């Protein structure tokens, strides 16, 4: 299984939403993606907030190329 990198906001959002995910902030302050694990340490955030932090940290979104969702 290969890994791909993305920086385009629309493509990142589409990839995440297609797999049932949404942007979240961890208790540590880091942003990430929540795929529905009911954990109290995760706070849902807006896409605007997610990408504000993403861009400020000059991150690249890495994902596996396979279509199967792995939780």
PDB file of N, CA and C in Angstrom:
ATOM      1  N   UNK A   1       0.835  -1.158   0.000  1.00  0.00           N
ATOM      2  CA  UNK A   1       0.000   0.000   0.000  1.00  0.00           C
ATOM      3  C   UNK A   1       0.890   1.235   0.000  1.00  0.00           C
ATOM      4  N   UNK A   2       0.694   2.129  -0.975  1.00  0.00           N
ATOM      5  CA  UNK A   2       1.498   3.328  -1.079  1.00  0.00           C
ATOM      6  C   UNK A   2       0.939   4.468  -0.250  1.00  0.00           C
ATOM      7  N   UNK A   3       1.719   5.519  -0.137  1.00  0.00           N
ATOM      8  CA  UNK A   3       1.307   6.707   0.595  1.00  0.00           C
ATOM      9  C   UNK A   3       1.391   7.897  -0.340  1.00  0.00           C
ATOM     10  N   UNK A   4       0.409   8.788  -0.248  1.00  0.00           N
ATOM     11  CA  UNK A   4       0.388  10.002  -1.057  1.00  0.00           C
ATOM     12  C   UNK A   4       0.337  11.220  -0.147  1.00  0.00           C
ATOM     13  N   UNK A   5       0.782  12.349  -0.686  1.00  0.00           N
ATOM     14  CA  UNK A   5       0.777  13.603   0.061  1.00  0.00           C
ATOM     15  C   UNK A   5      -0.106  14.619  -0.655  1.00  0.00           C
ATOM     16  N   UNK A   6      -0.818  15.430   0.125  1.00  0.00           N
ATOM     17  CA  UNK A   6      -1.679  16.474  -0.430  1.00  0.00           C
ATOM     18  C   UNK A   6      -1.518  17.756   0.375  1.00  0.00           C
ATOM     19  N   UNK A   7      -1.670  18.889  -0.313  1.00  0.00           N
ATOM     20  CA  UNK A   7      -1.734  20.176   0.368  1.00  0.00           C
ATOM     21  C   UNK A   7      -2.975  20.965  -0.058  1.00  0.00           C
ATOM     22  N   UNK A   8      -3.641  20.548  -1.127  1.00  0.00           N
ATOM     23  CA  UNK A   8      -4.833  21.226  -1.634  1.00  0.00           C
ATOM     24  C   UNK A   8      -6.001  21.023  -0.662  1.00  0.00           C
ATOM     25  N   UNK A   9      -6.547  22.117  -0.146  1.00  0.00           N
ATOM     26  CA  UNK A   9      -7.606  22.040   0.859  1.00  0.00           C
ATOM     27  C   UNK A   9      -8.826  21.268   0.376  1.00  0.00           C
ATOM     28  N   UNK A  10      -9.279  21.531  -0.841  1.00  0.00           N
ATOM     29  CA  UNK A  10     -10.471  20.857  -1.356  1.00  0.00           C
ATOM     30  C   UNK A  10     -10.263  19.355  -1.472  1.00  0.00           C
ATOM     31  N   UNK A  11      -9.101  18.946  -1.934  1.00  0.00           N
ATOM     32  CA  UNK A  11      -8.816  17.512  -2.075  1.00  0.00           C
ATOM     33  C   UNK A  11      -8.688  16.837  -0.711  1.00  0.00           C
ATOM     34  N   UNK A  12      -8.060  17.522   0.234  1.00  0.00           N
ATOM     35  CA  UNK A  12      -7.927  16.969   1.586  1.00  0.00           C
ATOM     36  C   UNK A  12      -9.309  16.786   2.210  1.00  0.00           C
ATOM     37  N   UNK A  13     -10.124  17.831   2.128  1.00  0.00           N
ATOM     38  CA  UNK A  13     -11.473  17.761   2.714  1.00  0.00           C
ATOM     39  C   UNK A  13     -12.293  16.648   2.068  1.00  0.00           C
ATOM     40  N   UNK A  14     -12.235  16.544   0.754  1.00  0.00           N
ATOM     41  CA  UNK A  14     -12.971  15.490   0.047  1.00  0.00           C
ATOM     42  C   UNK A  14     -12.497  14.104   0.490  1.00  0.00           C
ATOM     43  N   UNK A  15     -11.182  13.903   0.589  1.00  0.00           N
ATOM     44  CA  UNK A  15     -10.639  12.603   0.990  1.00  0.00           C
ATOM     45  C   UNK A  15     -11.131  12.232   2.394  1.00  0.00           C
ATOM     46  N   UNK A  16     -11.084  13.184   3.311  1.00  0.00           N
ATOM     47  CA  UNK A  16     -11.490  12.933   4.695  1.00  0.00           C
ATOM     48  C   UNK A  16     -12.991  12.665   4.789  1.00  0.00           C
ATOM     49  N   UNK A  17     -13.808  13.529   4.171  1.00  0.00           N
ATOM     50  CA  UNK A  17     -15.259  13.377   4.270  1.00  0.00           C
ATOM     51  C   UNK A  17     -15.758  12.112   3.584  1.00  0.00           C
ATOM     52  N   UNK A  18     -15.124  11.725   2.486  1.00  0.00           N
ATOM     53  CA  UNK A  18     -15.508  10.499   1.785  1.00  0.00           C
ATOM     54  C   UNK A  18     -15.353   9.292   2.698  1.00  0.00           C
ATOM     55  N   UNK A  19     -14.436   9.367   3.627  1.00  0.00           N
ATOM     56  CA  UNK A  19     -14.165   8.252   4.541  1.00  0.00           C
ATOM     57  C   UNK A  19     -14.815   8.435   5.914  1.00  0.00           C
ATOM     58  N   UNK A  20     -15.721   9.408   6.009  1.00  0.00           N
ATOM     59  CA  UNK A  20     -16.476   9.598   7.244  1.00  0.00           C
ATOM     60  C   UNK A  20     -15.763  10.364   8.330  1.00  0.00           C
ATOM     61  N   UNK A  21     -14.722  11.096   7.980  1.00  0.00           N
ATOM     62  CA  UNK A  21     -13.966  11.840   8.974  1.00  0.00           C
ATOM     63  C   UNK A  21     -14.358  13.304   9.036  1.00  0.00           C
ATOM     64  N   UNK A  22     -13.886  13.979  10.066  1.00  0.00           N
ATOM     65  CA  UNK A  22     -14.085  15.416  10.217  1.00  0.00           C
ATOM     66  C   UNK A  22     -12.916  15.992  11.024  1.00  0.00           C
ATOM     67  N   UNK A  23     -12.677  17.305  10.894  1.00  0.00           N
ATOM     68  CA  UNK A  23     -11.544  17.916  11.590  1.00  0.00           C
ATOM     69  C   UNK A  23     -11.759  17.947  13.099  1.00  0.00           C
ATOM     70  N   UNK A  24     -10.666  17.796  13.825  1.00  0.00           N
ATOM     71  CA  UNK A  24     -10.743  17.760  15.289  1.00  0.00           C
ATOM     72  C   UNK A  24      -9.460  18.293  15.903  1.00  0.00           C
ATOM     73  N   UNK A  25      -9.589  18.721  17.165  1.00  0.00           N
ATOM     74  CA  UNK A  25      -8.419  19.145  17.933  1.00  0.00           C
ATOM     75  C   UNK A  25      -8.269  18.169  19.094  1.00  0.00           C
ATOM     76  N   UNK A  26      -7.059  17.674  19.265  1.00  0.00           N
ATOM     77  CA  UNK A  26      -6.773  16.759  20.361  1.00  0.00           C
ATOM     78  C   UNK A  26      -6.548  17.572  21.642  1.00  0.00           C
ATOM     79  N   UNK A  27      -6.666  16.946  22.768  1.00  0.00           N
ATOM     80  CA  UNK A  27      -6.457  17.630  24.052  1.00  0.00           C
ATOM     81  C   UNK A  27      -5.075  18.281  24.111  1.00  0.00           C
ATOM     82  N   UNK A  28      -4.118  17.707  23.397  1.00  0.00           N
ATOM     83  CA  UNK A  28      -2.752  18.238  23.356  1.00  0.00           C
ATOM     84  C   UNK A  28      -2.659  19.548  22.582  1.00  0.00           C
ATOM     85  N   UNK A  29      -3.730  19.888  21.821  1.00  0.00           N
ATOM     86  CA  UNK A  29      -3.723  21.099  21.011  1.00  0.00           C
ATOM     87  C   UNK A  29      -3.455  20.844  19.542  1.00  0.00           C
ATOM     88  N   UNK A  30      -2.991  19.653  19.217  1.00  0.00           N
ATOM     89  CA  UNK A  30      -2.745  19.301  17.818  1.00  0.00           C
ATOM     90  C   UNK A  30      -4.061  19.107  17.087  1.00  0.00           C
ATOM     91  N   UNK A  31      -4.082  19.453  15.787  1.00  0.00           N
ATOM     92  CA  UNK A  31      -5.273  19.171  14.989  1.00  0.00           C
ATOM     93  C   UNK A  31      -5.066  17.877  14.224  1.00  0.00           C
ATOM     94  N   UNK A  32      -6.161  17.231  13.930  1.00  0.00           N
ATOM     95  CA  UNK A  32      -6.110  15.968  13.210  1.00  0.00           C
ATOM     96  C   UNK A  32      -7.477  15.645  12.650  1.00  0.00           C
ATOM     97  N   UNK A  33      -7.689  14.381  12.361  1.00  0.00           N
ATOM     98  CA  UNK A  33      -8.944  13.913  11.786  1.00  0.00           C
ATOM     99  C   UNK A  33      -9.568  12.897  12.728  1.00  0.00           C
ATOM    100  N   UNK A  34     -10.864  13.063  12.974  1.00  0.00           N
ATOM    101  CA  UNK A  34     -11.614  12.125  13.813  1.00  0.00           C
ATOM    102  C   UNK A  34     -12.507  11.290  12.902  1.00  0.00           C
ATOM    103  N   UNK A  35     -12.393   9.983  13.032  1.00  0.00           N
ATOM    104  CA  UNK A  35     -13.226   9.075  12.251  1.00  0.00           C
ATOM    105  C   UNK A  35     -14.301   8.436  13.124  1.00  0.00           C
ATOM    106  N   UNK A  36     -14.758   9.165  14.148  1.00  0.00           N
ATOM    107  CA  UNK A  36     -15.889   8.723  14.933  1.00  0.00           C
ATOM    108  C   UNK A  36     -15.577   7.940  16.181  1.00  0.00           C
ATOM    109  N   UNK A  37     -14.355   7.927  16.601  1.00  0.00           N
ATOM    110  CA  UNK A  37     -14.015   7.278  17.876  1.00  0.00           C
ATOM    111  C   UNK A  37     -14.483   8.185  19.000  1.00  0.00           C
ATOM    112  N   UNK A  38     -15.406   7.761  19.762  1.00  0.00           N
ATOM    113  CA  UNK A  38     -15.998   8.579  20.821  1.00  0.00           C
ATOM    114  C   UNK A  38     -15.023   8.769  21.973  1.00  0.00           C
ATOM    115  N   UNK A  39     -14.090   9.679  21.810  1.00  0.00           N
ATOM    116  CA  UNK A  39     -13.084   9.940  22.843  1.00  0.00           C
ATOM    117  C   UNK A  39     -13.283  11.341  23.405  1.00  0.00           C
ATOM    118  N   UNK A  40     -13.201  11.468  24.706  1.00  0.00           N
ATOM    119  CA  UNK A  40     -13.413  12.764  25.345  1.00  0.00           C
ATOM    120  C   UNK A  40     -12.258  13.731  25.102  1.00  0.00           C
ATOM    121  N   UNK A  41     -11.140  13.219  24.626  1.00  0.00           N
ATOM    122  CA  UNK A  41      -9.973  14.075  24.411  1.00  0.00           C
ATOM    123  C   UNK A  41      -9.989  14.742  23.035  1.00  0.00           C
ATOM    124  N   UNK A  42     -11.087  14.563  22.284  1.00  0.00           N
ATOM    125  CA  UNK A  42     -11.185  15.131  20.939  1.00  0.00           C
ATOM    126  C   UNK A  42     -12.300  16.168  20.900  1.00  0.00           C
ATOM    127  N   UNK A  43     -11.992  17.343  20.340  1.00  0.00           N
ATOM    128  CA  UNK A  43     -12.964  18.422  20.175  1.00  0.00           C
ATOM    129  C   UNK A  43     -13.171  18.646  18.680  1.00  0.00           C
ATOM    130  N   UNK A  44     -14.423  18.635  18.221  1.00  0.00           N
ATOM    131  CA  UNK A  44     -14.703  18.933  16.821  1.00  0.00           C
ATOM    132  C   UNK A  44     -14.383  20.400  16.552  1.00  0.00           C
ATOM    133  N   UNK A  45     -13.776  20.672  15.400  1.00  0.00           N
ATOM    134  CA  UNK A  45     -13.481  22.045  14.995  1.00  0.00           C
ATOM    135  C   UNK A  45     -13.953  22.244  13.562  1.00  0.00           C
ATOM    136  N   UNK A  46     -14.006  23.498  13.130  1.00  0.00           N
ATOM    137  CA  UNK A  46     -14.439  23.813  11.767  1.00  0.00           C
ATOM    138  C   UNK A  46     -13.321  23.516  10.774  1.00  0.00           C
ATOM    139  N   UNK A  47     -13.710  23.394   9.514  1.00  0.00           N
ATOM    140  CA  UNK A  47     -12.701  23.218   8.465  1.00  0.00           C
ATOM    141  C   UNK A  47     -11.803  24.452   8.391  1.00  0.00           C
ATOM    142  N   UNK A  48     -12.378  25.643   8.598  1.00  0.00           N
ATOM    143  CA  UNK A  48     -11.568  26.869   8.571  1.00  0.00           C
ATOM    144  C   UNK A  48     -10.467  26.824   9.630  1.00  0.00           C
ATOM    145  N   UNK A  49     -10.825  26.401  10.850  1.00  0.00           N
ATOM    146  CA  UNK A  49      -9.835  26.302  11.927  1.00  0.00           C
ATOM    147  C   UNK A  49      -8.794  25.236  11.606  1.00  0.00           C
ATOM    148  N   UNK A  50      -9.240  24.092  11.103  1.00  0.00           N
ATOM    149  CA  UNK A  50      -8.334  23.003  10.735  1.00  0.00           C
ATOM    150  C   UNK A  50      -7.289  23.497   9.732  1.00  0.00           C
ATOM    151  N   UNK A  51      -7.748  24.160   8.672  1.00  0.00           N
ATOM    152  CA  UNK A  51      -6.812  24.605   7.637  1.00  0.00           C
ATOM    153  C   UNK A  51      -5.985  25.814   8.076  1.00  0.00           C
ATOM    154  N   UNK A  52      -6.493  26.626   9.004  1.00  0.00           N
ATOM    155  CA  UNK A  52      -5.687  27.731   9.536  1.00  0.00           C
ATOM    156  C   UNK A  52      -4.452  27.162  10.237  1.00  0.00           C
ATOM    157  N   UNK A  53      -4.654  26.159  11.081  1.00  0.00           N
ATOM    158  CA  UNK A  53      -3.538  25.525  11.790  1.00  0.00           C
ATOM    159  C   UNK A  53      -2.666  24.743  10.809  1.00  0.00           C
ATOM    160  N   UNK A  54      -3.286  24.023   9.886  1.00  0.00           N
ATOM    161  CA  UNK A  54      -2.580  23.235   8.870  1.00  0.00           C
ATOM    162  C   UNK A  54      -1.627  24.130   8.074  1.00  0.00           C
ATOM    163  N   UNK A  55      -2.141  25.265   7.592  1.00  0.00           N
ATOM    164  CA  UNK A  55      -1.319  26.181   6.796  1.00  0.00           C
ATOM    165  C   UNK A  55      -0.228  26.850   7.634  1.00  0.00           C
ATOM    166  N   UNK A  56      -0.562  27.234   8.853  1.00  0.00           N
ATOM    167  CA  UNK A  56       0.417  27.901   9.719  1.00  0.00           C
ATOM    168  C   UNK A  56       1.594  26.988  10.043  1.00  0.00           C
ATOM    169  N   UNK A  57       1.332  25.697  10.122  1.00  0.00           N
ATOM    170  CA  UNK A  57       2.412  24.755  10.444  1.00  0.00           C
ATOM    171  C   UNK A  57       3.078  24.189   9.191  1.00  0.00           C
ATOM    172  N   UNK A  58       2.600  24.629   8.016  1.00  0.00           N
ATOM    173  CA  UNK A  58       3.155  24.204   6.726  1.00  0.00           C
ATOM    174  C   UNK A  58       3.148  22.684   6.594  1.00  0.00           C
ATOM    175  N   UNK A  59       2.049  22.085   7.051  1.00  0.00           N
ATOM    176  CA  UNK A  59       1.905  20.632   7.008  1.00  0.00           C
ATOM    177  C   UNK A  59       1.558  20.124   5.617  1.00  0.00           C
ATOM    178  N   UNK A  60       1.753  18.833   5.447  1.00  0.00           N
ATOM    179  CA  UNK A  60       1.317  18.089   4.267  1.00  0.00           C
ATOM    180  C   UNK A  60       0.452  16.953   4.780  1.00  0.00           C
ATOM    181  N   UNK A  61      -0.697  16.736   4.137  1.00  0.00           N
ATOM    182  CA  UNK A  61      -1.599  15.666   4.540  1.00  0.00           C
ATOM    183  C   UNK A  61      -1.149  14.378   3.871  1.00  0.00           C
ATOM    184  N   UNK A  62      -0.770  13.394   4.667  1.00  0.00           N
ATOM    185  CA  UNK A  62      -0.337  12.092   4.157  1.00  0.00           C
ATOM    186  C   UNK A  62      -1.454  11.084   4.346  1.00  0.00           C
ATOM    187  N   UNK A  63      -1.669  10.237   3.332  1.00  0.00           N
ATOM    188  CA  UNK A  63      -2.699   9.207   3.439  1.00  0.00           C
ATOM    189  C   UNK A  63      -2.289   7.994   2.629  1.00  0.00           C
ATOM    190  N   UNK A  64      -2.875   6.864   2.978  1.00  0.00           N
ATOM    191  CA  UNK A  64      -2.642   5.630   2.228  1.00  0.00           C
ATOM    192  C   UNK A  64      -3.479   5.662   0.959  1.00  0.00           C
ATOM    193  N   UNK A  65      -2.938   5.114  -0.122  1.00  0.00           N
ATOM    194  CA  UNK A  65      -3.629   5.119  -1.403  1.00  0.00           C
ATOM    195  C   UNK A  65      -4.817   4.170  -1.463  1.00  0.00           C
ATOM    196  N   UNK A  66      -4.832   3.130  -0.659  1.00  0.00           N
ATOM    197  CA  UNK A  66      -5.914   2.143  -0.699  1.00  0.00           C
ATOM    198  C   UNK A  66      -7.236   2.795  -0.318  1.00  0.00           C
ATOM    199  N   UNK A  67      -8.329   2.305  -0.913  1.00  0.00           N
ATOM    200  CA  UNK A  67      -9.654   2.844  -0.631  1.00  0.00           C
ATOM    201  C   UNK A  67     -10.200   2.403   0.714  1.00  0.00           C
ATOM    202  N   UNK A  68      -9.718   1.305   1.230  1.00  0.00           N
ATOM    203  CA  UNK A  68     -10.256   0.779   2.486  1.00  0.00           C
ATOM    204  C   UNK A  68      -9.933   1.721   3.638  1.00  0.00           C
ATOM    205  N   UNK A  69     -10.928   1.981   4.452  1.00  0.00           N
ATOM    206  CA  UNK A  69     -10.730   2.808   5.635  1.00  0.00           C
ATOM    207  C   UNK A  69     -10.179   1.941   6.747  1.00  0.00           C
ATOM    208  N   UNK A  70      -9.136   2.428   7.398  1.00  0.00           N
ATOM    209  CA  UNK A  70      -8.528   1.683   8.503  1.00  0.00           C
ATOM    210  C   UNK A  70      -8.670   2.518   9.755  1.00  0.00           C
ATOM    211  N   UNK A  71      -9.372   2.010  10.743  1.00  0.00           N
ATOM    212  CA  UNK A  71      -9.553   2.736  12.009  1.00  0.00           C
ATOM    213  C   UNK A  71      -8.719   2.072  13.053  1.00  0.00           C
TER     214      UNK A  71
END
